[in-house]
C-alpha cells in the first residue's frame, strides 16, 4: 500500500486518496479542435520511471495536489500544491 503525503494533512494510506490523472499533460485551448481534444483525452504515455500525477485526499481534507511518483518502485519523492514545481 502506498503512503501518500498530503501537503495539508500529512502522510496517510492510499485508501484515503483518489488518483486524478496525469499532471504533466496540458489541456489544449478551447478552440483547438476535435483532434487536439481526442489526443488529450485518449493518447497517453505509460512511462516506466518518474511521473507527475494528480491525487485527491478524498477521505481527508478533499484537496487536490501533485505527486511525483516512480511508476516501477512506487517511491514518492515529492508532493505539492497545483502550480508548484517539483524539485
Protein backbone atom coordinates (compact mmCIF):
# COMPACT_ATOMS: atom_id res chain seq x y z
CA UNK A 1 0.00 0.00 0.00
CA UNK A 2 1.20 3.49 -0.85
CA UNK A 3 1.70 6.04 1.91
CA UNK A 4 0.89 9.36 0.23
CA UNK A 5 1.98 12.67 1.78
CA UNK A 6 -0.90 15.17 1.60
CA UNK A 7 0.57 18.70 1.73
CA UNK A 8 -2.22 19.72 4.12
CA UNK A 9 -2.85 16.65 6.35
CA UNK A 10 0.43 14.76 6.20
CA UNK A 11 1.05 11.11 5.32
CA UNK A 12 -1.93 8.75 5.00
CA UNK A 13 -2.77 5.37 3.44
CA UNK A 14 -3.56 5.16 -0.26
CA UNK A 15 -7.16 4.11 0.56
CA UNK A 16 -7.91 7.71 1.61
CA UNK A 17 -6.96 9.10 -1.81
CA UNK A 18 -8.23 9.03 -5.39
CA UNK A 19 -5.98 9.13 -8.45
CA UNK A 20 -7.00 12.09 -10.61
CA UNK A 21 -4.72 11.69 -13.64
CA UNK A 22 -1.51 12.73 -15.32
CA UNK A 23 -0.30 16.14 -14.12
CA UNK A 24 2.31 16.52 -16.85
CA UNK A 25 -0.23 16.91 -19.68
CA UNK A 26 -1.51 20.37 -20.56
CA UNK A 27 -5.11 20.77 -21.67
CA UNK A 28 -5.45 22.27 -25.17
CA UNK A 29 -7.17 25.67 -25.56
CA UNK A 30 -10.94 25.71 -26.10
CA UNK A 31 -10.61 26.49 -29.80
CA UNK A 32 -8.05 23.74 -30.51
CA UNK A 33 -10.42 21.44 -32.35
CA UNK A 34 -11.65 17.87 -32.01
CA UNK A 35 -8.35 16.17 -32.90
CA UNK A 36 -6.43 18.02 -30.18
CA UNK A 37 -9.01 17.05 -27.55
CA UNK A 38 -9.08 13.45 -28.78
CA UNK A 39 -5.31 13.23 -28.32
CA UNK A 40 -5.51 14.94 -24.90
CA UNK A 41 -8.13 12.50 -23.58
CA UNK A 42 -7.17 9.19 -25.21
CA UNK A 43 -3.48 9.22 -26.20
CA UNK A 44 -1.36 8.92 -23.07
CA UNK A 45 2.09 7.54 -22.36
CA UNK A 46 2.64 4.70 -19.91
CA UNK A 47 6.03 5.70 -18.51
CA UNK A 48 8.35 3.46 -16.55
CA UNK A 49 10.04 5.90 -14.21
CA UNK A 50 9.27 9.22 -12.54
CA UNK A 51 5.80 10.57 -13.26
CA UNK A 52 3.87 13.65 -12.11
CA UNK A 53 0.30 12.80 -11.06
CA UNK A 54 -2.81 14.46 -9.61
CA UNK A 55 -4.21 12.95 -6.41
CA UNK A 56 -7.18 13.99 -4.25
CA UNK A 57 -7.40 13.39 -0.49
CA UNK A 58 -11.00 12.14 -0.82
CA UNK A 59 -11.37 10.92 2.79
CA UNK A 60 -9.49 13.78 4.38
CA UNK A 61 -9.22 17.47 3.51
CA UNK A 62 -10.51 16.81 -0.08
CA UNK A 63 -7.60 18.83 -1.52
CA UNK A 64 -6.23 18.01 -4.95
CA UNK A 65 -2.44 18.10 -5.25
CA UNK A 66 0.50 16.83 -7.30
CA UNK A 67 2.65 13.80 -6.50
CA UNK A 68 5.95 12.83 -8.12
CA UNK A 69 5.95 9.01 -8.05
CA UNK A 70 8.17 6.33 -9.59
CA UNK A 71 5.84 4.03 -11.53
CA UNK A 72 8.01 0.93 -11.08
CA UNK A 73 9.06 1.15 -7.42
CA UNK A 74 6.13 3.36 -6.26
CA UNK A 75 8.54 5.58 -4.33
CA UNK A 76 7.06 9.04 -3.76
CA UNK A 77 9.71 11.75 -4.00
CA UNK A 78 7.55 14.88 -3.66
CA UNK A 79 4.04 16.21 -3.18
CA UNK A 80 2.88 19.79 -3.59
CA UNK A 81 0.09 22.15 -4.46
CA UNK A 82 -1.07 22.96 -8.00
CA UNK A 83 1.27 25.48 -9.57
CA UNK A 84 4.29 24.37 -7.55
CA UNK A 85 7.17 22.83 -9.48
CA UNK A 86 8.72 19.60 -8.20
CA UNK A 87 12.42 19.74 -7.30
